[in-house]
Protein backbone atom coordinates (compact mmCIF):
# COMPACT_ATOMS: atom_id res chain seq x y z
CA MET A 1 112.76 115.08 170.01
CA PRO A 2 114.40 114.05 166.68
CA GLU A 3 114.99 116.72 164.09
CA THR A 4 112.78 116.47 160.99
CA THR A 5 114.60 116.46 157.68
CA THR A 6 113.01 118.89 155.26
CA ILE A 7 113.13 120.50 151.85
CA GLN A 8 111.69 123.87 150.90
CA VAL A 9 108.96 124.17 148.29
CA ASN A 10 108.23 127.77 147.33
CA GLY A 11 109.72 128.85 150.65
CA GLU A 12 107.67 126.45 152.80
CA HIS A 13 109.31 123.59 154.68
CA ARG A 14 108.04 120.13 153.77
CA PRO A 15 109.14 116.72 154.98
CA TRP A 16 111.85 114.97 152.96
CA GLN A 17 111.98 111.24 152.48
CA PRO A 18 114.40 108.99 150.58
CA GLY A 19 113.47 108.57 146.92
CA LEU A 20 111.65 111.91 146.70
CA GLN A 21 111.82 113.31 143.17
CA VAL A 22 110.84 116.70 141.73
CA ALA A 23 107.91 115.01 139.92
CA HIS A 24 106.51 113.71 143.26
CA VAL A 25 106.36 117.23 144.69
CA ILE A 26 104.54 118.57 141.63
CA GLU A 27 101.99 115.75 141.92
CA SER A 28 101.45 116.61 145.59
CA LEU A 29 100.64 120.21 144.64
CA ASP A 30 97.74 119.08 142.39
CA LYS A 31 99.08 121.12 139.48
CA PRO A 32 99.23 119.82 135.92
CA ALA A 33 102.91 119.09 135.27
CA ASN A 34 102.78 120.79 131.88
CA SER A 35 101.49 124.05 133.37
CA VAL A 36 104.42 124.74 135.71
CA ALA A 37 108.15 125.33 135.52
CA THR A 38 110.61 124.20 138.19
CA ALA A 39 113.93 125.33 139.59
CA LEU A 40 115.99 123.35 142.08
CA ASN A 41 118.39 125.42 144.15
CA GLY A 42 118.09 128.19 141.56
CA HIS A 43 118.70 125.97 138.51
CA PHE A 44 116.00 125.23 135.93
CA VAL A 45 114.81 121.60 135.83
CA PRO A 46 113.36 120.60 132.43
CA ARG A 47 110.12 118.60 132.44
CA SER A 48 111.93 115.61 130.95
CA LEU A 49 114.24 115.40 133.99
CA ARG A 50 111.71 115.85 136.81
CA GLU A 51 111.14 112.12 137.33
CA HIS A 52 114.90 111.58 137.48
CA THR A 53 115.86 114.53 139.69
CA PRO A 54 116.14 113.50 143.34
CA LEU A 55 115.69 115.92 146.20
CA LYS A 56 118.11 115.99 149.11
CA PRO A 57 117.56 117.38 152.61
CA GLY A 58 117.93 121.14 152.55
CA ASP A 59 117.11 121.51 148.84
CA ALA A 60 114.95 124.44 147.72
CA LEU A 61 112.44 123.72 144.95
CA THR A 62 110.54 126.52 143.25
CA VAL A 63 107.41 125.61 141.29
CA PHE A 64 105.90 128.46 139.29
CA GLN A 65 103.51 129.17 136.46
CA ALA A 66 105.25 128.64 133.14
CA ILE A 67 105.26 131.67 130.83
CA VAL A 68 105.32 131.13 127.11
CA GLY A 69 105.73 133.54 124.29
CA GLY A 70 108.12 136.23 123.48
């Protein structure tokens, strides 16, 4: 049986496919893009770069509730 290529989203394995971007994953989670923050392999990904940030097999994406204020 062929091995499935995956990424991790919040610790859960999900299938990877060529052309997959951070923005696509957020859309698949049914969360408003402006209500979440993202980190790819432990590094913050600004909203403006999500559509231009590709995911590679083995990447770990964290999507979490954005906190504002100080």
